[in-house]
Amino acid sequence: SDWLHAVPIPQLGLKLDPMSLKIACGLRLGSTLCHPYKCKCGVTVEANGRHGLSCNRQTGRHSRHTQINDIVKRALVQAKIPATTEPAGLSRSDGKRPDGLTLSTWKEGKCLIWDATVADTLCQSYILQCSKNPGAAAEIREIEKTKKYQELANDYHFIPIGMETYGSWGPEGHKLIKTIGKKLKEETGERRSTFYLLQNISIAIQRGNASCVLGTVPHSEGLEEIFEFVS
């Protein structure tokens, strides 16, 4: 929940637009966000609007995914570690590729590759684990990602970045971000580098959550017909 501490500076990408801020606060507080309506997938969206966080028919998660990887890449580059997203040419039998790659070595003579994933904390398949252990969904996703890219482990140092829609982190991803923040501090002298990096990613998650929620609205209806505008 680092987004709660972010100073809303547009130039740094730390400002949420009014609708995104409303949705972020509504999701956090569990308050009424909208009038119930039919999602594009046919499921009824309840007044809390949470269906969009796990719906497969909305596209908001793609923009969220892109924003997070761009933030990680920019942080690495600022720390004088050249990096690229969507790297081509990595050997995988299924043709899929990780989200990012450092062009210089990271550890044990290997370049770093990472893959980010955001799990819905309240998804039915995760809710039991998350109710007992905060961050359980993110950790499960990290384990799945590690297995997925296991065949690249001999040539690259792979780290999954697992997060959840309600703010929890997976252990591997959180450790990596803190390491990048430390390298930023060493390069720039800014002692709050890790804090600011976490804020940027947290804002990106909230912005993506809002896109997911809004992405379930049928194109024939306007937002003002569905979402509550209560000051």
Protein backbone atom coordinates (compact mmCIF):
# COMPACT_ATOMS: atom_id res chain seq x y z
CA SER A 1 0.00 0.00 0.00
CA ASP A 2 2.87 2.39 -0.70
CA TRP A 3 0.57 4.40 -3.00
CA LEU A 4 -1.06 5.88 0.12
CA HIS A 5 2.21 7.66 0.95
CA ALA A 6 2.97 8.93 -2.56
CA VAL A 7 3.01 12.68 -3.17
CA PRO A 8 0.78 13.17 -6.27
CA ILE A 9 3.39 14.51 -8.71
CA PRO A 10 2.23 13.99 -12.34
CA GLN A 11 5.76 14.34 -13.78
CA LEU A 12 6.88 11.32 -11.75
CA GLY A 13 3.81 9.25 -12.58
CA LEU A 14 2.64 9.39 -8.97
CA LYS A 15 -0.75 11.02 -9.51
CA LEU A 16 -3.94 9.02 -10.00
CA ASP A 17 -6.77 10.55 -12.01
CA PRO A 18 -10.00 11.15 -10.01
CA MET A 19 -11.75 7.96 -11.20
CA SER A 20 -8.70 5.75 -10.53
CA LEU A 21 -8.30 7.30 -7.08
CA LYS A 22 -11.98 6.73 -6.32
CA ILE A 23 -11.75 3.08 -7.35
CA ALA A 24 -8.49 2.54 -5.43
CA CYS A 25 -10.03 3.93 -2.24
CA GLY A 26 -13.28 2.04 -2.80
CA LEU A 27 -11.50 -1.28 -3.25
CA ARG A 28 -9.37 -0.69 -0.16
CA LEU A 29 -12.35 0.24 2.02
CA GLY A 30 -14.76 -2.29 0.52
CA SER A 31 -17.28 0.45 -0.20
CA THR A 32 -19.92 0.69 -2.91
CA LEU A 33 -18.40 1.61 -6.24
CA CYS A 34 -21.11 1.08 -8.82
CA HIS A 35 -24.64 0.04 -9.62
CA PRO A 36 -24.76 -3.73 -10.29
CA TYR A 37 -24.52 -4.46 -14.02
CA LYS A 38 -23.71 -7.24 -16.48
CA CYS A 39 -20.04 -7.62 -17.37
CA LYS A 40 -19.05 -8.28 -20.97
CA CYS A 41 -18.35 -11.88 -19.92
CA GLY A 42 -21.96 -12.30 -18.74
CA VAL A 43 -21.29 -12.29 -14.99
CA THR A 44 -23.14 -9.79 -12.80
CA VAL A 45 -20.77 -7.20 -11.35
CA GLU A 46 -21.67 -6.52 -7.73
CA ALA A 47 -21.72 -3.08 -6.13
CA ASN A 48 -18.13 -3.45 -4.87
CA GLY A 49 -16.87 -3.68 -8.48
CA ARG A 50 -14.30 -6.38 -7.64
CA HIS A 51 -15.21 -8.73 -10.50
CA GLY A 52 -13.00 -6.80 -12.92
CA LEU A 53 -9.85 -7.70 -10.97
CA SER A 54 -10.15 -11.34 -12.02
CA CYS A 55 -12.27 -11.17 -15.19
CA ASN A 56 -10.56 -12.65 -18.25
CA ARG A 57 -12.48 -10.40 -20.67
CA GLN A 58 -11.06 -7.06 -19.54
CA THR A 59 -7.78 -5.65 -20.87
CA GLY A 60 -6.68 -3.48 -17.95
CA ARG A 61 -4.21 -6.05 -16.67
CA HIS A 62 -2.16 -5.71 -19.88
CA SER A 63 -1.55 -1.99 -19.34
CA ARG A 64 -0.75 -2.66 -15.68
CA HIS A 65 1.74 -5.35 -16.68
CA THR A 66 3.44 -3.03 -19.18
CA GLN A 67 3.68 -0.14 -16.69
CA ILE A 68 5.27 -2.31 -14.00
CA ASN A 69 7.91 -3.69 -16.36
CA ASP A 70 8.70 -0.22 -17.70
CA ILE A 71 9.23 1.02 -14.12
CA VAL A 72 11.60 -1.87 -13.35
CA LYS A 73 13.53 -1.28 -16.57
CA ARG A 74 13.85 2.48 -15.96
CA ALA A 75 15.07 1.87 -12.42
CA LEU A 76 17.75 -0.53 -13.66
CA VAL A 77 18.89 1.88 -16.37
CA GLN A 78 19.02 4.73 -13.85
CA ALA A 79 21.21 2.50 -11.68
CA LYS A 80 23.56 2.15 -14.69
CA ILE A 81 22.45 -1.40 -15.44
CA PRO A 82 21.35 -1.51 -19.10
CA ALA A 83 18.15 -3.47 -19.56
CA THR A 84 15.46 -4.20 -22.12
CA THR A 85 11.88 -5.47 -22.00
CA GLU A 86 10.43 -8.31 -24.09
CA PRO A 87 13.88 -9.69 -25.01
CA ALA A 88 14.03 -11.77 -28.16
CA GLY A 89 16.31 -14.69 -28.92
CA LEU A 90 16.20 -16.47 -25.56
CA SER A 91 16.03 -20.21 -25.94
CA ARG A 92 12.61 -21.55 -25.01
CA SER A 93 10.85 -24.50 -26.59
CA ASP A 94 7.45 -22.77 -26.54
CA GLY A 95 8.70 -19.48 -27.96
CA LYS A 96 7.57 -17.44 -24.94
CA ARG A 97 9.91 -14.90 -23.43
CA PRO A 98 10.31 -13.24 -20.04
CA ASP A 99 9.36 -9.63 -19.42
CA GLY A 100 12.86 -8.21 -19.11
CA LEU A 101 16.58 -8.82 -19.38
CA THR A 102 19.65 -6.96 -18.13
CA LEU A 103 22.33 -6.55 -20.80
CA SER A 104 25.10 -6.75 -18.22
CA THR A 105 25.70 -9.55 -15.74
CA TRP A 106 23.74 -9.53 -12.50
CA LYS A 107 24.95 -12.48 -10.42
CA GLU A 108 27.40 -15.39 -10.84
CA GLY A 109 28.32 -14.17 -14.31
CA LYS A 110 24.72 -14.40 -15.53
CA CYS A 111 22.39 -11.69 -16.80
CA LEU A 112 19.16 -11.13 -14.92
CA ILE A 113 15.82 -12.01 -16.48
CA TRP A 114 12.56 -11.20 -14.73
CA ASP A 115 8.87 -11.83 -15.25
CA ALA A 116 6.18 -9.86 -13.45
CA THR A 117 2.75 -11.14 -12.47
CA VAL A 118 -0.16 -9.67 -10.50
CA ALA A 119 -2.62 -12.02 -8.79
CA ASP A 120 -6.07 -11.02 -7.60
CA THR A 121 -6.00 -11.35 -3.80
CA LEU A 122 -9.73 -12.14 -3.65
CA CYS A 123 -9.81 -14.62 -6.54
CA GLN A 124 -11.61 -17.82 -5.46
CA SER A 125 -8.53 -19.95 -6.15
CA TYR A 126 -6.39 -17.83 -3.78
CA ILE A 127 -8.74 -16.43 -1.15
CA LEU A 128 -8.34 -19.30 1.35
CA GLN A 129 -4.52 -19.09 1.31
CA CYS A 130 -4.53 -15.27 1.39
CA SER A 131 -6.87 -15.25 4.40
CA LYS A 132 -4.24 -17.20 6.35
CA ASN A 133 -1.00 -15.83 4.90
CA PRO A 134 -0.72 -12.31 3.40
CA GLY A 135 1.06 -12.48 0.04
CA ALA A 136 0.21 -16.16 -0.51
CA ALA A 137 -1.21 -15.55 -4.00
CA ALA A 138 1.88 -13.59 -5.07
CA GLU A 139 4.16 -16.33 -3.72
CA ILE A 140 2.19 -19.02 -5.59
CA ARG A 141 2.54 -17.03 -8.82
CA GLU A 142 6.28 -16.66 -8.24
CA ILE A 143 6.67 -20.42 -7.85
CA GLU A 144 4.71 -20.97 -11.06
CA LYS A 145 6.88 -18.46 -12.94
CA THR A 146 10.07 -20.10 -11.66
CA LYS A 147 8.91 -23.48 -12.97
CA LYS A 148 7.90 -21.90 -16.28
CA TYR A 149 11.37 -20.48 -16.94
CA GLN A 150 13.35 -23.30 -15.36
CA GLU A 151 15.01 -24.26 -18.64
CA LEU A 152 16.68 -20.84 -18.82
CA ALA A 153 18.25 -21.16 -15.35
CA ASN A 154 21.56 -22.51 -16.68
CA ASP A 155 22.20 -19.42 -18.79
CA TYR A 156 20.36 -16.65 -16.93
CA HIS A 157 19.59 -15.62 -13.36
CA PHE A 158 15.77 -15.65 -13.24
CA ILE A 159 13.72 -13.80 -10.60
CA PRO A 160 9.91 -13.67 -10.65
CA ILE A 161 8.18 -10.48 -9.47
CA GLY A 162 4.93 -11.50 -7.82
CA MET A 163 2.41 -8.93 -6.61
CA GLU A 164 -1.25 -8.83 -5.64
CA THR A 165 -4.07 -6.46 -6.53
CA TYR A 166 -4.46 -5.53 -2.85
CA GLY A 167 -0.80 -4.69 -2.38
CA SER A 168 1.02 -7.75 -1.01
CA TRP A 169 4.33 -8.87 -2.51
CA GLY A 170 5.89 -12.23 -3.17
CA PRO A 171 9.24 -12.71 -1.39
CA GLU A 172 11.39 -13.00 -4.52
CA GLY A 173 9.96 -9.93 -6.23
CA HIS A 174 10.13 -7.77 -3.12
CA LYS A 175 13.75 -8.75 -2.53
CA LEU A 176 14.65 -7.86 -6.14
CA ILE A 177 12.98 -4.44 -5.96
CA LYS A 178 14.80 -3.68 -2.71
CA THR A 179 18.09 -4.70 -4.34
CA ILE A 180 17.42 -2.42 -7.31
CA GLY A 181 16.51 0.37 -4.90
CA LYS A 182 19.81 -0.12 -3.09
CA LYS A 183 21.73 0.12 -6.37
CA LEU A 184 19.79 3.29 -7.21
CA LYS A 185 20.78 4.76 -3.86
CA GLU A 186 24.45 3.96 -4.51
CA GLU A 187 24.30 5.55 -7.96
CA THR A 188 22.17 8.63 -7.25
CA GLY A 189 22.78 9.25 -3.56
CA GLU A 190 19.02 9.39 -2.92
CA ARG A 191 18.54 7.47 0.31
CA ARG A 192 14.79 7.03 -0.31
CA SER A 193 15.25 5.37 -3.71
CA THR A 194 13.68 2.07 -2.63
CA PHE A 195 10.71 3.88 -1.09
CA TYR A 196 10.08 5.86 -4.28
CA LEU A 197 10.46 2.77 -6.47
CA LEU A 198 7.89 0.88 -4.40
CA GLN A 199 5.56 3.87 -4.61
CA ASN A 200 5.80 3.93 -8.41
CA ILE A 201 4.96 0.25 -8.68
CA SER A 202 2.15 0.56 -6.14
CA ILE A 203 0.61 3.44 -8.10
CA ALA A 204 0.88 1.36 -11.30
CA ILE A 205 -1.01 -1.48 -9.63
CA GLN A 206 -3.79 0.84 -8.47
CA ARG A 207 -4.01 2.44 -11.89
CA GLY A 208 -4.19 -1.03 -13.44
CA ASN A 209 -6.84 -2.13 -10.95
CA ALA A 210 -8.98 0.81 -12.00
CA SER A 211 -8.53 -0.09 -15.67
CA CYS A 212 -9.58 -3.66 -14.87
CA VAL A 213 -12.71 -2.49 -13.05
CA LEU A 214 -13.66 -0.04 -15.80
CA GLY A 215 -12.84 -2.60 -18.49
CA THR A 216 -15.88 -4.69 -17.57
CA VAL A 217 -18.32 -1.94 -18.51
CA PRO A 218 -20.27 -2.69 -21.73
CA HIS A 219 -19.32 -0.30 -24.50
CA SER A 220 -22.93 0.74 -24.98
CA GLU A 221 -23.14 2.28 -21.51
CA GLY A 222 -21.41 5.34 -20.16
CA LEU A 223 -19.51 5.39 -16.89
CA GLU A 224 -21.89 7.98 -15.46
CA GLU A 225 -24.76 5.47 -15.87
CA ILE A 226 -23.02 2.85 -13.75
CA PHE A 227 -20.46 4.26 -11.33
CA GLU A 228 -21.40 6.20 -8.26
CA PHE A 229 -20.21 9.80 -8.17
CA VAL A 230 -20.55 10.59 -4.51
CA SER A 231 -18.30 13.26 -3.03
